[in-house]
Protein backbone atom coordinates (compact mmCIF):
# COMPACT_ATOMS: atom_id res chain seq x y z
CA MET A 1 74.53 63.47 110.20
CA LEU A 2 71.85 62.77 112.81
CA ASP A 3 74.09 64.09 115.58
CA GLN A 4 74.99 67.23 113.62
CA ALA A 5 71.35 67.83 112.73
CA LYS A 6 70.49 67.90 116.40
CA GLY A 7 73.24 70.44 117.02
CA LEU A 8 75.14 68.11 119.33
CA SER A 9 78.86 67.94 118.62
CA LYS A 10 79.71 65.65 121.55
CA VAL A 11 78.90 62.00 120.90
CA VAL A 12 79.59 59.22 123.41
CA THR A 13 78.94 55.49 123.16
CA VAL A 14 78.25 53.83 126.51
CA PHE A 15 78.41 50.03 126.51
CA GLY A 16 76.50 48.66 129.51
CA GLY A 17 74.64 51.95 129.80
CA SER A 18 71.39 50.30 130.88
CA GLY A 19 72.99 48.70 133.96
CA PHE A 20 73.24 49.85 137.57
CA ILE A 21 76.14 52.28 137.12
CA GLY A 22 75.41 52.92 133.46
CA ARG A 23 72.08 54.66 133.96
CA TYR A 24 73.76 57.26 136.19
CA VAL A 25 76.60 57.79 133.71
CA VAL A 26 74.14 58.17 130.83
CA SER A 27 72.06 60.68 132.79
CA MET A 28 75.07 62.85 133.70
CA LEU A 29 76.39 62.87 130.14
CA ALA A 30 72.97 63.70 128.68
CA GLN A 31 72.50 66.55 131.13
CA ASP A 32 75.87 67.89 130.00
CA GLY A 33 74.72 67.99 126.38
CA TRP A 34 76.23 64.77 125.06
CA GLN A 35 74.51 62.71 122.39
CA VAL A 36 74.50 59.28 124.05
CA ARG A 37 74.41 55.97 122.19
CA VAL A 38 73.70 52.95 124.37
CA PRO A 39 74.46 49.62 122.64
CA VAL A 40 72.32 46.87 124.21
CA ARG A 41 70.97 43.43 123.37
CA ASP A 42 67.35 44.57 123.60
CA PRO A 43 66.68 48.28 122.91
CA GLN A 44 63.08 47.93 124.11
CA LYS A 45 64.23 47.05 127.62
CA ALA A 46 66.51 50.09 127.65
CA LYS A 47 63.85 52.57 126.55
CA PHE A 48 63.67 53.98 130.08
CA LEU A 49 67.01 55.69 129.39
CA SER A 50 65.36 58.00 126.84
CA SER A 51 63.95 60.08 129.69
CA CYS A 52 67.52 60.98 130.74
CA GLY A 53 67.72 63.61 127.98
CA ASP A 54 65.82 65.47 125.29
CA VAL A 55 63.93 63.59 122.60
CA GLY A 56 66.44 61.60 120.55
CA GLN A 57 69.42 62.54 122.71
CA VAL A 58 69.79 59.13 124.39
CA VAL A 59 69.44 56.32 121.88
CA PRO A 60 69.48 52.60 122.81
CA LEU A 61 70.75 50.59 119.84
CA ALA A 62 70.91 46.84 119.20
CA VAL A 63 74.45 45.48 119.11
CA ASP A 64 76.00 42.06 118.64
CA ILE A 65 79.02 42.09 120.95
CA ASN A 66 80.35 38.99 119.20
CA ASP A 67 80.60 40.94 115.93
CA SER A 68 83.49 43.42 115.78
CA GLY A 69 81.79 45.11 112.81
CA SER A 70 78.69 45.78 114.88
CA ILE A 71 80.82 47.27 117.66
CA PHE A 72 82.68 49.46 115.16
CA ARG A 73 79.40 50.82 113.80
CA MET A 74 78.24 51.69 117.31
CA ILE A 75 81.41 53.68 117.95
CA ALA A 76 81.88 55.34 114.56
CA GLY A 77 81.62 59.12 114.93
CA SER A 78 81.94 59.04 118.73
CA THR A 79 84.18 61.44 120.61
CA ALA A 80 84.31 59.16 123.65
CA VAL A 81 83.60 55.54 124.56
CA VAL A 82 82.71 54.06 127.95
CA ASN A 83 82.72 50.30 128.59
CA LEU A 84 80.80 49.24 131.70
CA ILE A 85 80.04 45.67 130.64
CA GLY A 86 80.72 43.03 133.28
CA ILE A 87 79.13 40.05 135.01
CA LEU A 88 79.31 38.64 138.54
CA PHE A 89 78.79 35.02 137.51
CA GLU A 90 78.82 32.95 134.34
CA GLY A 91 75.67 31.57 132.78
CA GLY A 92 74.63 30.48 129.29
CA LYS A 93 76.61 32.42 126.70
CA GLN A 94 77.80 34.98 129.22
CA ARG A 95 81.39 34.02 130.00
CA PHE A 96 84.01 35.92 131.96
CA ASP A 97 86.73 35.54 129.35
CA CYS A 98 84.60 36.81 126.48
CA LEU A 99 82.93 39.76 128.23
CA GLN A 100 85.61 40.92 130.65
CA ALA A 101 88.94 39.97 129.06
CA LYS A 102 88.45 39.97 125.28
CA LEU A 103 85.59 42.43 124.66
CA PRO A 104 87.40 45.43 126.23
CA GLY A 105 90.18 44.96 123.67
CA VAL A 106 87.74 44.87 120.78
CA ILE A 107 86.00 48.02 122.01
CA ALA A 108 89.30 49.77 122.65
CA GLN A 109 90.65 48.99 119.19
CA ALA A 110 87.40 50.13 117.58
CA ALA A 111 87.59 53.38 119.59
CA THR A 112 91.11 53.95 118.26
CA ASP A 113 90.16 53.10 114.68
CA CYS A 114 87.17 55.45 114.85
CA GLY A 115 89.24 58.34 116.16
CA ALA A 116 87.69 58.64 119.62
CA THR A 117 89.68 60.81 122.02
CA ALA A 118 88.59 59.18 125.30
CA LEU A 119 88.04 55.63 126.52
CA VAL A 120 86.91 54.72 130.02
CA GLN A 121 87.12 51.05 131.00
CA MET A 122 85.27 49.81 134.09
CA SER A 123 87.26 47.34 136.13
CA ALA A 124 87.24 46.46 139.84
CA ILE A 125 89.51 46.53 142.88
CA GLY A 126 91.21 43.15 142.89
CA ALA A 127 91.62 42.99 139.12
CA ASP A 128 94.77 40.98 138.46
CA VAL A 129 95.73 38.63 135.65
CA ASN A 130 97.26 36.37 138.30
CA SER A 131 94.15 36.28 140.49
CA SER A 132 92.87 32.88 141.61
CA SER A 133 89.38 34.13 140.78
CA ALA A 134 88.18 34.03 137.17
CA TYR A 135 86.34 37.30 137.81
CA GLY A 136 89.47 39.09 139.06
CA ARG A 137 91.68 37.45 136.45
CA THR A 138 89.50 38.49 133.49
CA LYS A 139 89.01 42.00 134.88
CA GLY A 140 92.79 42.26 134.93
CA GLY A 141 92.95 40.92 131.39
CA GLY A 142 90.38 43.51 130.33
CA GLU A 143 92.55 46.30 131.68
CA LEU A 144 95.54 45.07 129.69
CA ALA A 145 93.44 44.71 126.54
CA ALA A 146 91.96 48.21 126.89
CA ASN A 147 95.39 49.77 127.39
CA LYS A 148 96.79 47.86 124.44
CA GLY A 149 93.96 48.83 122.10
CA PHE A 150 93.68 52.48 123.13
CA SER A 151 96.52 54.79 124.12
CA GLY A 152 95.45 56.85 127.12
CA ALA A 153 92.59 54.70 128.38
CA THR A 154 91.19 55.54 131.80
CA ILE A 155 90.72 52.52 134.08
CA ILE A 156 88.18 52.79 136.90
CA ARG A 157 88.37 50.28 139.79
CA PRO A 158 85.58 50.76 142.34
CA SER A 159 85.09 48.87 145.57
CA ILE A 160 81.59 47.54 146.23
CA VAL A 161 79.12 50.03 144.71
CA PHE A 162 75.91 50.89 146.57
CA GLY A 163 72.76 52.75 145.62
CA PRO A 164 68.99 52.22 145.20
CA GLU A 165 69.47 49.53 142.53
CA ASP A 166 72.51 47.78 144.03
CA ASP A 167 72.83 44.01 144.34
CA PHE A 168 74.58 44.00 147.71
CA PHE A 169 72.60 45.78 150.41
CA ASN A 170 69.31 45.10 148.61
CA ARG A 171 70.07 41.40 148.37
CA PHE A 172 70.75 41.02 152.09
CA ALA A 173 67.84 43.30 152.95
CA ARG A 174 65.48 41.02 151.03
CA MET A 175 67.04 38.02 152.71
CA SER A 176 66.52 39.54 156.16
CA SER A 177 62.86 40.06 155.33
CA VAL A 178 62.28 36.30 155.19
CA SER A 179 65.04 34.86 157.38
CA PRO A 180 65.87 35.28 161.08
CA LEU A 181 69.59 34.95 160.32
CA LEU A 182 72.11 36.21 157.81
CA PRO A 183 75.30 34.34 156.82
CA LEU A 184 78.74 35.79 157.44
CA VAL A 185 80.92 33.99 154.91
CA GLY A 186 84.38 33.38 156.31
CA GLY A 187 83.35 34.98 159.58
CA GLY A 188 82.50 38.33 158.01
CA GLU A 189 85.97 39.81 158.45
CA VAL A 190 86.71 40.69 154.80
CA LYS A 191 86.79 44.46 154.35
CA PHE A 192 84.97 46.65 151.84
CA GLN A 193 85.03 50.36 151.09
CA PRO A 194 81.43 50.98 149.92
CA VAL A 195 81.24 53.69 147.28
CA HIS A 196 78.11 55.49 146.11
CA VAL A 197 77.05 54.92 142.51
CA ARG A 198 76.74 58.66 141.79
CA ASP A 199 80.32 59.27 142.93
CA VAL A 200 81.60 56.54 140.59
CA ALA A 201 79.48 57.94 137.74
CA GLU A 202 80.84 61.44 138.36
CA ALA A 203 84.43 60.18 138.12
CA ILE A 204 83.60 58.49 134.80
CA PHE A 205 81.86 61.67 133.63
CA LYS A 206 84.95 63.74 134.38
CA ALA A 207 87.24 61.23 132.67
CA VAL A 208 85.09 61.42 129.54
CA ASN A 209 85.14 65.20 129.51
CA ASP A 210 88.87 65.63 130.15
CA PRO A 211 90.89 62.71 128.76
CA ASP A 212 94.07 64.82 128.65
CA LYS A 213 93.91 65.16 132.44
CA TYR A 214 92.64 61.73 133.47
CA GLY A 215 93.56 59.42 130.59
CA GLY A 216 96.34 56.87 130.83
CA ASN A 217 95.78 56.23 134.54
CA THR A 218 94.13 53.68 136.80
CA TYR A 219 91.95 54.93 139.65
CA GLU A 220 90.71 52.99 142.68
CA LEU A 221 87.49 54.39 144.07
CA GLY A 222 86.17 53.78 147.56
CA GLY A 223 83.99 55.63 150.04
CA PRO A 224 85.27 57.47 153.12
CA ARG A 225 84.90 54.41 155.39
CA VAL A 226 86.33 50.90 155.41
CA LEU A 227 83.85 48.37 156.83
CA SER A 228 84.02 44.65 157.42
CA PHE A 229 81.32 42.44 155.94
CA ARG A 230 79.85 42.11 159.44
CA GLU A 231 79.82 45.89 159.91
CA CYS A 232 78.09 46.36 156.56
CA LEU A 233 75.26 44.04 157.59
CA GLU A 234 75.01 45.58 161.05
CA LEU A 235 74.74 49.04 159.48
CA MET A 236 72.10 47.80 157.05
CA LEU A 237 70.01 46.18 159.78
CA GLY A 238 70.23 49.33 161.88
CA HIS A 239 68.72 51.43 159.11
CA MET A 240 66.03 48.78 158.59
CA HIS A 241 65.15 48.80 162.29
CA GLN A 242 65.64 45.04 162.36
CA ARG A 243 67.58 42.59 164.49
CA ARG A 244 68.88 39.40 162.92
CA PHE A 245 71.36 36.76 164.02
CA LEU A 246 74.60 37.06 162.04
CA MET A 247 75.85 33.51 161.68
CA PRO A 248 79.53 32.94 160.82
CA VAL A 249 79.89 30.41 157.99
CA PRO A 250 83.35 28.78 157.64
CA MET A 251 84.78 29.05 154.16
CA TRP A 252 84.79 25.27 153.63
CA ILE A 253 81.06 25.08 154.32
CA ALA A 254 80.43 28.08 152.06
CA LYS A 255 82.27 26.29 149.24
CA ILE A 256 79.99 23.28 149.55
CA GLN A 257 76.91 25.52 149.54
CA ALA A 258 78.19 27.47 146.54
CA LEU A 259 78.72 24.21 144.61
CA PHE A 260 74.95 23.64 144.67
CA LEU A 261 73.90 27.29 144.47
CA GLU A 262 75.80 27.61 141.18
CA MET A 263 73.12 25.41 139.60
CA LEU A 264 70.53 28.15 140.02
CA PRO A 265 69.83 30.56 137.11
CA GLN A 266 70.72 33.52 139.39
CA PRO A 267 73.14 32.03 141.95
CA PRO A 268 73.38 34.08 145.17
CA LEU A 269 76.88 32.72 145.71
CA THR A 270 79.52 30.98 143.58
CA ARG A 271 82.87 29.38 144.34
CA ASP A 272 84.55 32.03 142.22
CA GLN A 273 82.98 34.80 144.32
CA LEU A 274 84.29 33.09 147.45
CA LYS A 275 87.80 33.46 146.07
CA MET A 276 87.25 37.20 145.76
CA LEU A 277 85.86 37.28 149.30
CA GLY A 278 89.14 35.91 150.52
CA LYS A 279 90.80 39.30 150.03
CA ASP A 280 89.96 42.79 151.28
CA ASN A 281 88.28 45.03 148.70
CA VAL A 282 89.73 48.42 149.63
CA VAL A 283 91.66 51.21 147.92
CA SER A 284 95.42 50.72 148.16
CA ASN A 285 97.56 53.46 149.69
CA GLN A 286 99.54 53.94 146.47
CA ALA A 287 96.55 54.19 144.12
CA LEU A 288 95.12 57.30 142.49
CA ASN A 289 91.68 57.85 143.98
CA PHE A 290 88.75 60.26 144.24
CA SER A 291 91.04 63.10 145.28
CA ALA A 292 92.44 63.14 141.74
CA PHE A 293 88.93 63.99 140.50
CA GLY A 294 88.25 66.54 143.24
CA ILE A 295 85.37 64.39 144.49
CA ASN A 296 84.50 63.96 148.16
CA PRO A 297 82.69 60.60 148.26
CA VAL A 298 79.52 60.40 150.32
CA ASP A 299 79.40 58.13 153.35
CA VAL A 300 77.34 54.96 153.09
CA ASP A 301 75.60 55.87 156.35
CA VAL A 302 74.06 58.94 154.69
CA ILE A 303 72.57 57.13 151.69
CA LEU A 304 71.41 53.76 153.01
CA PRO A 305 68.33 55.14 154.84
CA THR A 306 67.07 56.69 151.59
CA TYR A 307 66.41 53.33 149.97
CA LEU A 308 66.40 50.75 152.75
CA SER A 309 63.44 52.37 154.53
CA ARG A 310 61.08 50.29 152.40
CA PHE A 311 62.34 47.18 154.22
CA ARG A 312 61.47 48.58 157.65
CA PRO A 313 58.47 47.16 159.53
CA GLY A 314 55.52 49.04 158.13
CA GLY A 315 57.71 50.49 155.38
CA VAL A 316 58.61 53.67 157.27
């Protein structure tokens, strides 16, 4: 009734909407006239999303992701559902299997039971139920669960995502501000295909709006350039006007370091992440990609200066 009273016939529930990619997805959907529900643990911390739309258009709501009934209530009445929930490391009650393998199935089944016509599931390049990495393995499990619970789910697999709030370039930029050297795990040869957060959000936006066209497929999303880990850091340092020594770190040493770093509340590196770093993170030649959405992804070289300038000497 609330949605009808506001004259908004399009209702979407975005799990993980307060995260890095989520805030861009929420903003695009709100600007397109969607009524956006954002299930979160703490609605107060997600209040900033309210400014993405008109008063009452974007609504953060408390959800218990361990309660299927709570998830069902979040989705009831929604035309579309987006699941962006994921973690990079385990800690406390946040476990890979629960959040990335099982939860997508619960959300997908609820979307089906509630009559939603679109479901978009966020995954990652490298998702594979046979992966040696728990992250990759559970992402693969989440894809299977989403497809099982919802006929015509859209699976989105991005490479490393960059933007003002990212945890990749910003992390190493902060590190370079206090250290004369930066580590190149495994020699820095693993390859990435950095993709801008707005491009990923636009693909999700299009999948939500046209499930008949995009549903039932898996898309791998990467930017226009493939860069090695070393090249990524060199590009970053160039835009920061800094020079740092890039020190190759053999994988066996990195594993020992990760063993101790995992004890930190926010570990900068884990042994599971090292397993993912053992394989290139690029779009495969056979995969559906941005061209299917009619999107020309922006080059990382264009965007990095817009948010790394604050790390330059003097901040300019």
